[in-house]
Amino acid sequence: MPESIIAQAPYALSLPGNSIETGSLHFWENFELFPNGIQRCFWISGVKEDDTRGNHAHWQESQVIVAVAGSIQLEIYSAQGKVYNFELHSPGQAVFIPPLNWLVARFSPDSVLLGMSDRAFSEDDYIRDLDYFGKLQERNK
């Protein structure tokens, strides 16, 4: 287990775009957050209202999360023990989740989560044990 961890805090951001009579267009072109571009996209749908998704953190991967349909509540726990809450209810809103932040996502009916990552999938990058993550938090308070 690492001695001490310095993790960046998650934060909300607005996605550029525009809305006209015939609909809305939003896009992602942020080379500051993802200098090498998006390396992986994933989407989650069909989640039952009482179920949660995420329930993990990453060692190195950063993600941007968007609710492309419905609304999604994000509860994020930092390695320093802080809790951040966000509600996404528009495709023009997003949350940046840096490494070492534990994510719990709750879905409204018929919602769809889009995730964009700065790294390709690697099982070794996942922290899936909440007790282990809790020990990281205790060491970093």
C-alpha atoms as a PDB file:
ATOM      1  CA  MET A   1       0.000   0.000   0.000  1.00  0.00           C
ATOM      2  CA  PRO A   2       1.420   3.433  -0.887  1.00  0.00           C
ATOM      3  CA  GLU A   3       2.738   5.562   1.985  1.00  0.00           C
ATOM      4  CA  SER A   4       0.580   8.612   1.255  1.00  0.00           C
ATOM      5  CA  ILE A   5      -1.595   9.581  -1.645  1.00  0.00           C
ATOM      6  CA  ILE A   6      -2.338  13.004  -3.052  1.00  0.00           C
ATOM      7  CA  ALA A   7      -5.484  12.887  -5.147  1.00  0.00           C
ATOM      8  CA  GLN A   8      -7.203  15.590  -7.120  1.00  0.00           C
ATOM      9  CA  ALA A   9     -10.836  16.337  -6.241  1.00  0.00           C
ATOM     10  CA  PRO A  10     -13.667  15.563  -8.675  1.00  0.00           C
ATOM     11  CA  TYR A  11     -15.566  18.500 -10.106  1.00  0.00           C
ATOM     12  CA  ALA A  12     -18.520  19.382 -12.336  1.00  0.00           C
ATOM     13  CA  LEU A  13     -18.039  20.927 -15.751  1.00  0.00           C
ATOM     14  CA  SER A  14     -20.212  22.110 -18.601  1.00  0.00           C
ATOM     15  CA  LEU A  15     -19.796  20.520 -22.001  1.00  0.00           C
ATOM     16  CA  PRO A  16     -19.674  22.895 -24.953  1.00  0.00           C
ATOM     17  CA  GLY A  17     -22.540  22.820 -27.384  1.00  0.00           C
ATOM     18  CA  ASN A  18     -25.634  24.596 -28.526  1.00  0.00           C
ATOM     19  CA  SER A  19     -29.370  24.145 -28.630  1.00  0.00           C
ATOM     20  CA  ILE A  20     -31.616  25.165 -31.472  1.00  0.00           C
ATOM     21  CA  GLU A  21     -35.201  24.409 -32.463  1.00  0.00           C
ATOM     22  CA  THR A  22     -34.259  21.047 -33.948  1.00  0.00           C
ATOM     23  CA  GLY A  23     -32.285  19.790 -30.932  1.00  0.00           C
ATOM     24  CA  SER A  24     -29.107  20.076 -28.898  1.00  0.00           C
ATOM     25  CA  LEU A  25     -25.524  19.185 -29.716  1.00  0.00           C
ATOM     26  CA  HIS A  26     -22.812  18.731 -27.067  1.00  0.00           C
ATOM     27  CA  PHE A  27     -19.253  17.560 -27.593  1.00  0.00           C
ATOM     28  CA  TRP A  28     -15.942  16.811 -25.884  1.00  0.00           C
ATOM     29  CA  GLU A  29     -12.660  18.346 -27.039  1.00  0.00           C
ATOM     30  CA  ASN A  30     -10.682  18.789 -23.844  1.00  0.00           C
ATOM     31  CA  PHE A  31      -6.978  18.137 -24.305  1.00  0.00           C
ATOM     32  CA  GLU A  32      -6.172  19.734 -20.960  1.00  0.00           C
ATOM     33  CA  LEU A  33      -7.866  16.920 -19.008  1.00  0.00           C
ATOM     34  CA  PHE A  34      -7.105  14.154 -21.526  1.00  0.00           C
ATOM     35  CA  PRO A  35      -3.930  15.241 -23.388  1.00  0.00           C
ATOM     36  CA  ASN A  36      -3.819  11.931 -25.279  1.00  0.00           C
ATOM     37  CA  GLY A  37      -7.521  12.041 -26.132  1.00  0.00           C
ATOM     38  CA  ILE A  38     -10.228   9.594 -25.114  1.00  0.00           C
ATOM     39  CA  GLN A  39      -8.812   6.085 -24.903  1.00  0.00           C
ATOM     40  CA  ARG A  40     -12.041   4.305 -23.962  1.00  0.00           C
ATOM     41  CA  CYS A  41     -15.776   5.037 -23.948  1.00  0.00           C
ATOM     42  CA  PHE A  42     -18.424   3.015 -22.174  1.00  0.00           C
ATOM     43  CA  TRP A  43     -22.121   3.443 -21.466  1.00  0.00           C
ATOM     44  CA  ILE A  44     -24.369   1.932 -18.836  1.00  0.00           C
ATOM     45  CA  SER A  45     -28.139   1.591 -19.142  1.00  0.00           C
ATOM     46  CA  GLY A  46     -30.953  -0.561 -17.806  1.00  0.00           C
ATOM     47  CA  VAL A  47     -29.890  -0.172 -14.161  1.00  0.00           C
ATOM     48  CA  LYS A  48     -32.673  -0.901 -11.689  1.00  0.00           C
ATOM     49  CA  GLU A  49     -33.627   2.068  -9.538  1.00  0.00           C
ATOM     50  CA  ASP A  50     -32.327   0.544  -6.271  1.00  0.00           C
ATOM     51  CA  ASP A  51     -29.071  -0.762  -7.748  1.00  0.00           C
ATOM     52  CA  THR A  52     -25.783   1.113  -7.935  1.00  0.00           C
ATOM     53  CA  ARG A  53     -22.929   0.959 -10.422  1.00  0.00           C
ATOM     54  CA  GLY A  54     -19.326   1.986 -10.186  1.00  0.00           C
ATOM     55  CA  ASN A  55     -18.449   0.873  -6.678  1.00  0.00           C
ATOM     56  CA  HIS A  56     -14.728   1.142  -7.397  1.00  0.00           C
ATOM     57  CA  ALA A  57     -11.819   3.562  -7.776  1.00  0.00           C
ATOM     58  CA  HIS A  58      -8.864   3.668 -10.165  1.00  0.00           C
ATOM     59  CA  TRP A  59      -5.168   3.981  -9.433  1.00  0.00           C
ATOM     60  CA  GLN A  60      -4.370   5.985 -12.593  1.00  0.00           C
ATOM     61  CA  GLU A  61      -7.423   6.323 -14.832  1.00  0.00           C
ATOM     62  CA  SER A  62      -9.399   9.576 -15.031  1.00  0.00           C
ATOM     63  CA  GLN A  63     -12.980   9.637 -16.291  1.00  0.00           C
ATOM     64  CA  VAL A  64     -15.573  12.142 -17.427  1.00  0.00           C
ATOM     65  CA  ILE A  65     -19.148  11.014 -16.697  1.00  0.00           C
ATOM     66  CA  VAL A  66     -22.225  12.313 -18.557  1.00  0.00           C
ATOM     67  CA  ALA A  67     -25.928  11.449 -18.200  1.00  0.00           C
ATOM     68  CA  VAL A  68     -26.970  11.292 -21.850  1.00  0.00           C
ATOM     69  CA  ALA A  69     -30.524  10.350 -20.766  1.00  0.00           C
ATOM     70  CA  GLY A  70     -32.355  10.596 -17.453  1.00  0.00           C
ATOM     71  CA  SER A  71     -30.539  11.645 -14.316  1.00  0.00           C
ATOM     72  CA  ILE A  72     -27.670  10.093 -12.438  1.00  0.00           C
ATOM     73  CA  GLN A  73     -26.551  10.796  -8.893  1.00  0.00           C
ATOM     74  CA  LEU A  74     -22.830  10.428  -8.256  1.00  0.00           C
ATOM     75  CA  GLU A  75     -21.432   9.956  -4.772  1.00  0.00           C
ATOM     76  CA  ILE A  76     -17.645  10.175  -4.841  1.00  0.00           C
ATOM     77  CA  TYR A  77     -15.280   9.444  -1.949  1.00  0.00           C
ATOM     78  CA  SER A  78     -11.743  10.830  -2.123  1.00  0.00           C
ATOM     79  CA  ALA A  79      -8.662   9.070  -0.811  1.00  0.00           C
ATOM     80  CA  GLN A  80      -8.521  11.862   1.798  1.00  0.00           C
ATOM     81  CA  GLY A  81     -11.988  10.930   3.113  1.00  0.00           C
ATOM     82  CA  LYS A  82     -13.987  13.777   1.552  1.00  0.00           C
ATOM     83  CA  VAL A  83     -17.395  13.061   0.007  1.00  0.00           C
ATOM     84  CA  TYR A  84     -18.589  14.802  -3.164  1.00  0.00           C
ATOM     85  CA  ASN A  85     -22.153  14.622  -4.488  1.00  0.00           C
ATOM     86  CA  PHE A  86     -23.234  15.531  -8.004  1.00  0.00           C
ATOM     87  CA  GLU A  87     -26.501  15.148  -9.883  1.00  0.00           C
ATOM     88  CA  LEU A  88     -26.337  14.985 -13.656  1.00  0.00           C
ATOM     89  CA  HIS A  89     -29.661  15.663 -15.382  1.00  0.00           C
ATOM     90  CA  SER A  90     -28.611  17.151 -18.723  1.00  0.00           C
ATOM     91  CA  PRO A  91     -26.287  15.927 -21.500  1.00  0.00           C
ATOM     92  CA  GLY A  92     -24.537  19.302 -21.250  1.00  0.00           C
ATOM     93  CA  GLN A  93     -23.288  18.535 -17.730  1.00  0.00           C
ATOM     94  CA  ALA A  94     -20.370  16.312 -16.815  1.00  0.00           C
ATOM     95  CA  VAL A  95     -18.242  15.345 -13.831  1.00  0.00           C
ATOM     96  CA  PHE A  96     -14.493  14.840 -14.002  1.00  0.00           C
ATOM     97  CA  ILE A  97     -13.347  12.005 -11.729  1.00  0.00           C
ATOM     98  CA  PRO A  98      -9.581  11.843 -11.250  1.00  0.00           C
ATOM     99  CA  PRO A  99      -7.779   8.718 -10.017  1.00  0.00           C
ATOM    100  CA  LEU A 100      -8.122   7.586  -6.391  1.00  0.00           C
ATOM    101  CA  ASN A 101     -11.778   8.564  -6.036  1.00  0.00           C
ATOM    102  CA  TRP A 102     -14.359   5.872  -5.214  1.00  0.00           C
ATOM    103  CA  LEU A 103     -17.536   6.223  -7.315  1.00  0.00           C
ATOM    104  CA  VAL A 104     -21.081   5.118  -6.510  1.00  0.00           C
ATOM    105  CA  ALA A 105     -23.640   5.923  -9.243  1.00  0.00           C
ATOM    106  CA  ARG A 106     -27.432   5.813  -8.799  1.00  0.00           C
ATOM    107  CA  PHE A 107     -29.716   5.894 -11.830  1.00  0.00           C
ATOM    108  CA  SER A 108     -33.214   7.208 -12.512  1.00  0.00           C
ATOM    109  CA  PRO A 109     -35.407   4.932 -14.655  1.00  0.00           C
ATOM    110  CA  ASP A 110     -34.335   4.857 -18.320  1.00  0.00           C
ATOM    111  CA  SER A 111     -31.123   6.794 -17.674  1.00  0.00           C
ATOM    112  CA  VAL A 112     -27.935   6.235 -19.649  1.00  0.00           C
ATOM    113  CA  LEU A 113     -24.455   6.989 -18.333  1.00  0.00           C
ATOM    114  CA  LEU A 114     -21.646   7.737 -20.779  1.00  0.00           C
ATOM    115  CA  GLY A 115     -18.106   7.403 -19.466  1.00  0.00           C
ATOM    116  CA  MET A 116     -15.004   8.670 -21.249  1.00  0.00           C
ATOM    117  CA  SER A 117     -11.593   7.561 -19.998  1.00  0.00           C
ATOM    118  CA  ASP A 118      -8.043   8.705 -20.540  1.00  0.00           C
ATOM    119  CA  ARG A 119      -6.747   5.099 -20.442  1.00  0.00           C
ATOM    120  CA  ALA A 120      -7.553   1.785 -22.031  1.00  0.00           C
ATOM    121  CA  PHE A 121      -9.175  -0.830 -19.790  1.00  0.00           C
ATOM    122  CA  SER A 122      -6.807  -2.487 -17.324  1.00  0.00           C
ATOM    123  CA  GLU A 123      -8.091  -4.665 -14.496  1.00  0.00           C
ATOM    124  CA  ASP A 124      -4.870  -3.870 -12.588  1.00  0.00           C
ATOM    125  CA  ASP A 125      -5.920  -0.204 -12.427  1.00  0.00           C
ATOM    126  CA  TYR A 126      -9.106  -0.970 -10.456  1.00  0.00           C
ATOM    127  CA  ILE A 127      -9.514  -0.745  -6.689  1.00  0.00           C
ATOM    128  CA  ARG A 128     -12.605  -2.889  -6.126  1.00  0.00           C
ATOM    129  CA  ASP A 129     -12.252  -3.579  -2.403  1.00  0.00           C
ATOM    130  CA  LEU A 130     -14.008  -0.898  -0.337  1.00  0.00           C
ATOM    131  CA  ASP A 131     -12.234  -2.003   2.860  1.00  0.00           C
ATOM    132  CA  TYR A 132      -8.858  -1.543   1.163  1.00  0.00           C
ATOM    133  CA  PHE A 133      -9.930   1.880  -0.122  1.00  0.00           C
ATOM    134  CA  GLY A 134     -11.029   2.750   3.428  1.00  0.00           C
ATOM    135  CA  LYS A 135      -7.508   1.919   4.647  1.00  0.00           C
ATOM    136  CA  LEU A 136      -6.115   4.306   2.021  1.00  0.00           C
ATOM    137  CA  GLN A 137      -8.470   6.988   3.362  1.00  0.00           C
ATOM    138  CA  GLU A 138      -7.347   6.402   6.956  1.00  0.00           C
ATOM    139  CA  ARG A 139      -3.683   6.791   5.976  1.00  0.00           C
ATOM    140  CA  ASN A 140      -4.370  10.052   4.149  1.00  0.00           C
ATOM    141  CA  LYS A 141      -6.568  11.953   6.595  1.00  0.00           C
END
